[in-house]
Amino acid sequence: MSPPLRSCFLGGLAVLVVVGAGCDSLASTSEASSPAAQSGDQPLQILLVTGGGWHDYDAQKEILEDGLSARMEAEFTIDHEAGADGSVLISRHEDTAWAEEFDAVVYNTCFSEIQDEAWVNRLVGAHVAHQVPAVVLHCALHSYNFQGVSPIWSMFAGVYTRRHQSQMPFTVEGLDEAHPVMAGIPIPWETPAGELYEILDVYPTATPLAHALGEDSGEYHVNVWVNNFAGVRVFGTTIGHHNETMEHETYLDLVASGLLWAVGRLE
């Protein structure tokens, strides 16, 4: 069940936060600005933030960069400062200036040990202040709010999760196949491997696009969605974990469609 919300105002934008959460640290910038101004024929400037525990991020950063670059005109900056440590506060996010450089950010992380509310408020605030879209993949949903300390990250992503089903392939079934992100994606699709996350809450700003049946829970869990957080487009999917899933053509097509939708270039 969604927690009670109230409005904070950031750069003239009303941002919903959980009652009891502070507004002051949501961002250090005072006025909203646009991401790097680029026409549709210029390469997108994409920041790929990766790292943390329990996943092969060394391989996945290359899978994502190569796979997405083959599907769009984009130049990637990869931040893998955290390595395999799920508790690192990466230096890039110590302020909000980084957001001025990029058209979108792809988060393929597992920072599940971080419980710094001010840090997460500033991170989300940078996206809102500079209107930088985001893509959140798999354990990025267990990052920053795994312990339920700072719900602003889950609200930014669009869903809340704290656990997953046993590792096994699952079948992705459509919920909104008419959405542009889902065009050309073969549905139903059985993943080659899988770790289905249990989605405990979908926020009102999110639109579920697909789900899968959890063998352990006997319930369906959303695993593809889009979100609009204070004007910022976010595409999310909990599909991932295994390299053989992330390098699958269907997975890369899906993430590419979500990224292009987020930046407004999906035709």
Protein backbone atom coordinates (compact mmCIF):
# COMPACT_ATOMS: atom_id res chain seq x y z
CA MET A 1 0.00 0.00 0.00
CA SER A 2 1.39 3.41 -0.97
CA PRO A 3 2.53 5.60 1.95
CA PRO A 4 0.89 9.01 2.59
CA LEU A 5 2.44 11.68 0.39
CA ARG A 6 2.93 15.42 0.49
CA SER A 7 4.35 17.95 -1.97
CA CYS A 8 7.79 19.51 -1.98
CA PHE A 9 8.60 22.19 -4.54
CA LEU A 10 11.84 21.80 -6.44
CA GLY A 11 12.77 24.22 -9.19
CA GLY A 12 9.12 25.18 -9.54
CA LEU A 13 8.07 21.53 -9.79
CA ALA A 14 5.83 19.84 -7.26
CA VAL A 15 7.48 16.64 -6.10
CA LEU A 16 5.57 14.09 -4.03
CA VAL A 17 7.46 12.79 -1.01
CA VAL A 18 6.48 10.59 1.88
CA VAL A 19 5.00 12.40 4.86
CA GLY A 20 7.81 12.93 7.34
CA ALA A 21 10.54 13.13 4.69
CA GLY A 22 12.39 16.42 4.39
CA CYS A 23 12.26 18.66 1.32
CA ASP A 24 15.41 20.69 1.97
CA SER A 25 17.93 18.10 0.76
CA LEU A 26 16.00 16.98 -2.30
CA ALA A 27 18.39 18.98 -4.46
CA SER A 28 21.01 21.66 -4.15
CA THR A 29 19.92 23.43 -7.32
CA SER A 30 17.13 25.97 -7.23
CA GLU A 31 15.93 26.19 -10.83
CA ALA A 32 14.90 23.50 -13.28
CA SER A 33 16.99 23.26 -16.42
CA SER A 34 17.06 21.02 -19.46
CA PRO A 35 19.48 18.16 -20.12
CA ALA A 36 22.16 18.58 -22.74
CA ALA A 37 20.41 20.23 -25.68
CA GLN A 38 20.73 17.97 -28.71
CA SER A 39 18.82 17.54 -31.91
CA GLY A 40 17.47 14.17 -32.92
CA ASP A 41 20.42 13.46 -35.25
CA GLN A 42 23.09 13.98 -32.60
CA PRO A 43 24.35 11.08 -30.46
CA LEU A 44 22.72 10.82 -27.08
CA GLN A 45 25.06 11.38 -24.15
CA ILE A 46 24.31 8.47 -21.81
CA LEU A 47 25.73 7.90 -18.36
CA LEU A 48 25.80 4.22 -17.36
CA VAL A 49 26.13 3.90 -13.59
CA THR A 50 27.00 0.35 -12.61
CA GLY A 51 28.48 -1.64 -9.76
CA GLY A 52 27.58 -3.11 -6.40
CA GLY A 53 27.21 -6.67 -5.20
CA TRP A 54 25.85 -10.00 -6.41
CA HIS A 55 26.03 -9.36 -10.19
CA ASP A 56 28.57 -9.58 -13.00
CA TYR A 57 28.78 -5.85 -13.66
CA ASP A 58 32.19 -6.17 -15.36
CA ALA A 59 30.55 -8.09 -18.18
CA GLN A 60 27.19 -6.34 -18.09
CA LYS A 61 28.58 -2.85 -18.61
CA GLU A 62 29.99 -4.07 -21.93
CA ILE A 63 26.81 -5.98 -22.82
CA LEU A 64 24.71 -2.87 -22.29
CA GLU A 65 27.05 -0.41 -23.97
CA ASP A 66 27.55 -2.60 -27.04
CA GLY A 67 23.92 -3.70 -27.27
CA LEU A 68 22.42 -0.24 -26.87
CA SER A 69 24.99 1.44 -29.11
CA ALA A 70 23.98 -0.98 -31.88
CA ARG A 71 20.37 0.21 -31.54
CA MET A 72 20.78 4.00 -31.33
CA GLU A 73 23.21 6.84 -31.86
CA ALA A 74 24.72 7.22 -28.41
CA GLU A 75 27.97 7.89 -26.61
CA PHE A 76 28.35 6.20 -23.25
CA THR A 77 30.18 7.33 -20.14
CA ILE A 78 30.57 4.41 -17.73
CA ASP A 79 30.85 4.96 -13.99
CA HIS A 80 31.99 1.73 -12.36
CA GLU A 81 33.72 3.38 -9.44
CA ALA A 82 31.87 1.22 -6.90
CA GLY A 83 33.25 -2.04 -8.26
CA ALA A 84 31.65 -4.95 -6.40
CA ASP A 85 30.89 -2.98 -3.23
CA GLY A 86 27.17 -2.43 -2.55
CA SER A 87 27.80 0.27 0.05
CA VAL A 88 29.87 2.78 -1.94
CA LEU A 89 28.70 6.38 -2.28
CA ILE A 90 30.24 7.19 -5.66
CA SER A 91 31.99 10.53 -5.94
CA ARG A 92 30.01 11.60 -9.02
CA HIS A 93 26.88 11.96 -6.90
CA GLU A 94 28.41 14.16 -4.21
CA ASP A 95 26.76 17.13 -5.94
CA THR A 96 24.21 17.68 -8.71
CA ALA A 97 26.44 19.24 -11.39
CA TRP A 98 26.96 15.88 -13.11
CA ALA A 99 23.38 15.92 -14.40
CA GLU A 100 24.11 18.85 -16.74
CA GLU A 101 26.27 16.64 -18.97
CA PHE A 102 23.88 13.87 -19.94
CA ASP A 103 20.66 13.23 -21.85
CA ALA A 104 19.81 10.16 -19.75
CA VAL A 105 21.20 7.85 -17.09
CA VAL A 106 21.06 4.04 -17.10
CA TYR A 107 21.30 2.52 -13.62
CA ASN A 108 22.44 -1.10 -13.52
CA THR A 109 23.51 -1.21 -9.87
CA CYS A 110 23.02 -3.07 -6.62
CA PHE A 111 23.67 -0.50 -3.88
CA SER A 112 21.36 -2.27 -1.46
CA GLU A 113 23.46 -1.41 1.61
CA ILE A 114 23.17 2.37 1.24
CA GLN A 115 20.78 3.98 3.72
CA ASP A 116 21.73 7.66 3.39
CA GLU A 117 18.50 9.62 2.92
CA ALA A 118 20.16 12.96 2.19
CA TRP A 119 22.34 11.32 -0.46
CA VAL A 120 19.38 9.77 -2.24
CA ASN A 121 17.34 12.97 -2.02
CA ARG A 122 20.18 14.84 -3.74
CA LEU A 123 20.50 12.15 -6.42
CA VAL A 124 16.80 12.23 -7.29
CA GLY A 125 16.80 16.01 -6.99
CA ALA A 126 19.51 16.24 -9.65
CA HIS A 127 17.29 14.34 -12.09
CA VAL A 128 14.33 16.59 -11.34
CA ALA A 129 16.20 19.89 -11.38
CA HIS A 130 17.88 19.12 -14.71
CA GLN A 131 15.02 17.00 -16.11
CA VAL A 132 17.30 14.08 -16.93
CA PRO A 133 15.44 10.84 -17.82
CA ALA A 134 16.50 7.51 -16.36
CA VAL A 135 16.45 3.78 -16.97
CA VAL A 136 16.48 1.52 -13.90
CA LEU A 137 17.43 -2.13 -14.36
CA HIS A 138 16.99 -5.11 -12.05
CA CYS A 139 18.87 -4.51 -8.79
CA ALA A 140 18.75 -0.76 -9.26
CA LEU A 141 15.32 -1.33 -7.70
CA HIS A 142 17.00 -2.81 -4.63
CA SER A 143 19.43 0.08 -4.49
CA TYR A 144 19.04 2.95 -2.00
CA ASN A 145 15.68 1.83 -0.55
CA PHE A 146 16.13 -1.89 0.09
CA GLN A 147 15.63 -1.31 3.83
CA GLY A 148 12.71 1.08 3.29
CA VAL A 149 14.71 4.01 4.69
CA SER A 150 14.46 6.49 1.80
CA PRO A 151 11.33 5.87 -0.29
CA ILE A 152 12.05 8.76 -2.66
CA TRP A 153 14.19 6.45 -4.84
CA SER A 154 11.40 3.89 -5.19
CA MET A 155 8.96 6.68 -5.99
CA PHE A 156 11.36 8.01 -8.62
CA ALA A 157 11.67 4.52 -10.12
CA GLY A 158 7.90 3.96 -9.92
CA VAL A 159 7.78 0.71 -7.94
CA TYR A 160 8.89 -0.70 -4.59
CA THR A 161 10.45 -4.12 -4.04
CA ARG A 162 12.42 -5.85 -1.28
CA ARG A 163 12.75 -9.48 -2.35
CA HIS A 164 12.76 -11.84 -5.30
CA GLN A 165 11.61 -15.30 -6.31
CA SER A 166 13.90 -18.30 -6.80
CA GLN A 167 16.20 -18.12 -9.81
CA MET A 168 14.50 -19.66 -12.83
CA PRO A 169 13.27 -18.59 -16.27
CA PHE A 170 9.85 -16.91 -16.37
CA THR A 171 7.39 -15.85 -19.04
CA VAL A 172 6.91 -12.13 -19.64
CA GLU A 173 3.25 -11.39 -20.44
CA GLY A 174 1.87 -8.09 -21.70
CA LEU A 175 -0.24 -5.66 -19.71
CA ASP A 176 -0.14 -2.70 -22.11
CA GLU A 177 1.14 -3.96 -25.44
CA ALA A 178 -0.17 -0.82 -27.16
CA HIS A 179 2.40 1.33 -25.39
CA PRO A 180 5.17 2.48 -27.79
CA VAL A 181 7.86 0.83 -25.66
CA MET A 182 6.30 -2.58 -26.28
CA ALA A 183 6.04 -2.22 -30.07
CA GLY A 184 8.06 -4.98 -31.71
CA ILE A 185 8.71 -6.83 -28.45
CA PRO A 186 7.60 -10.48 -28.81
CA ILE A 187 5.04 -11.13 -26.10
CA PRO A 188 4.84 -13.58 -24.42
CA TRP A 189 8.61 -13.96 -24.03
CA GLU A 190 10.35 -16.59 -21.91
CA THR A 191 13.59 -15.33 -20.45
CA PRO A 192 16.60 -17.66 -20.79
CA ALA A 193 17.26 -17.27 -17.05
CA GLY A 194 15.62 -15.20 -14.39
CA GLU A 195 15.26 -13.78 -10.92
CA LEU A 196 11.77 -12.30 -10.74
CA TYR A 197 11.42 -9.46 -8.25
CA GLU A 198 8.30 -9.25 -6.13
CA ILE A 199 6.81 -5.81 -6.63
CA LEU A 200 5.19 -4.78 -3.35
CA ASP A 201 3.89 -1.44 -4.56
CA VAL A 202 3.32 0.37 -7.88
CA TYR A 203 3.10 4.13 -7.40
CA PRO A 204 0.26 6.11 -9.01
CA THR A 205 2.67 7.82 -11.42
CA ALA A 206 3.74 4.49 -12.97
CA THR A 207 2.17 2.55 -15.85
CA PRO A 208 2.77 -1.23 -15.82
CA LEU A 209 3.57 -2.65 -19.27
CA ALA A 210 4.27 -6.33 -18.54
CA HIS A 211 4.37 -8.85 -15.72
CA ALA A 212 5.25 -12.47 -14.98
CA LEU A 213 3.95 -15.20 -12.72
CA GLY A 214 6.14 -15.97 -9.73
CA GLU A 215 6.47 -19.69 -9.16
CA ASP A 216 7.20 -19.19 -5.46
CA SER A 217 4.48 -16.66 -4.69
CA GLY A 218 1.85 -17.91 -7.13
CA GLU A 219 1.20 -14.23 -7.94
CA TYR A 220 1.91 -11.98 -10.90
CA HIS A 221 4.57 -9.31 -10.45
CA VAL A 222 5.06 -6.29 -12.70
CA ASN A 223 8.45 -6.44 -14.40
CA VAL A 224 8.27 -3.74 -17.10
CA TRP A 225 6.83 -0.24 -16.58
CA VAL A 226 7.23 3.47 -17.28
CA ASN A 227 7.04 6.28 -14.74
CA ASN A 228 6.75 10.06 -14.71
CA PHE A 229 8.29 11.62 -11.62
CA ALA A 230 7.93 15.42 -11.49
CA GLY A 231 8.20 15.60 -15.27
CA VAL A 232 11.12 13.15 -15.49
CA ARG A 233 10.50 10.08 -17.62
CA VAL A 234 11.76 6.81 -16.14
CA PHE A 235 11.73 3.39 -17.79
CA GLY A 236 12.12 0.40 -15.51
CA THR A 237 12.42 -3.35 -15.69
CA THR A 238 13.35 -5.89 -13.04
CA ILE A 239 14.31 -8.38 -15.76
CA GLY A 240 18.04 -9.00 -15.73
CA HIS A 241 20.51 -10.50 -13.24
CA HIS A 242 21.99 -13.16 -15.56
CA ASN A 243 24.29 -12.23 -18.43
CA GLU A 244 22.49 -14.61 -20.80
CA THR A 245 19.28 -12.65 -20.22
CA MET A 246 20.85 -9.21 -20.58
CA GLU A 247 22.62 -10.13 -23.84
CA HIS A 248 19.43 -11.59 -25.35
CA GLU A 249 18.21 -9.65 -28.39
CA THR A 250 14.74 -9.22 -26.94
CA TYR A 251 16.09 -7.79 -23.68
CA LEU A 252 18.34 -5.31 -25.46
CA ASP A 253 15.48 -4.32 -27.79
CA LEU A 254 13.28 -3.71 -24.76
CA VAL A 255 15.83 -1.61 -22.87
CA ALA A 256 16.66 0.36 -26.01
CA SER A 257 12.97 1.11 -26.58
CA GLY A 258 12.59 2.18 -22.97
CA LEU A 259 15.62 4.44 -23.15
CA LEU A 260 14.51 6.06 -26.40
CA TRP A 261 11.02 6.56 -24.96
CA ALA A 262 12.52 8.21 -21.88
CA VAL A 263 14.45 10.76 -23.96
CA GLY A 264 11.57 11.35 -26.37
CA ARG A 265 13.21 9.77 -29.43
CA LEU A 266 11.14 6.62 -29.79
CA GLU A 267 9.47 6.85 -33.21
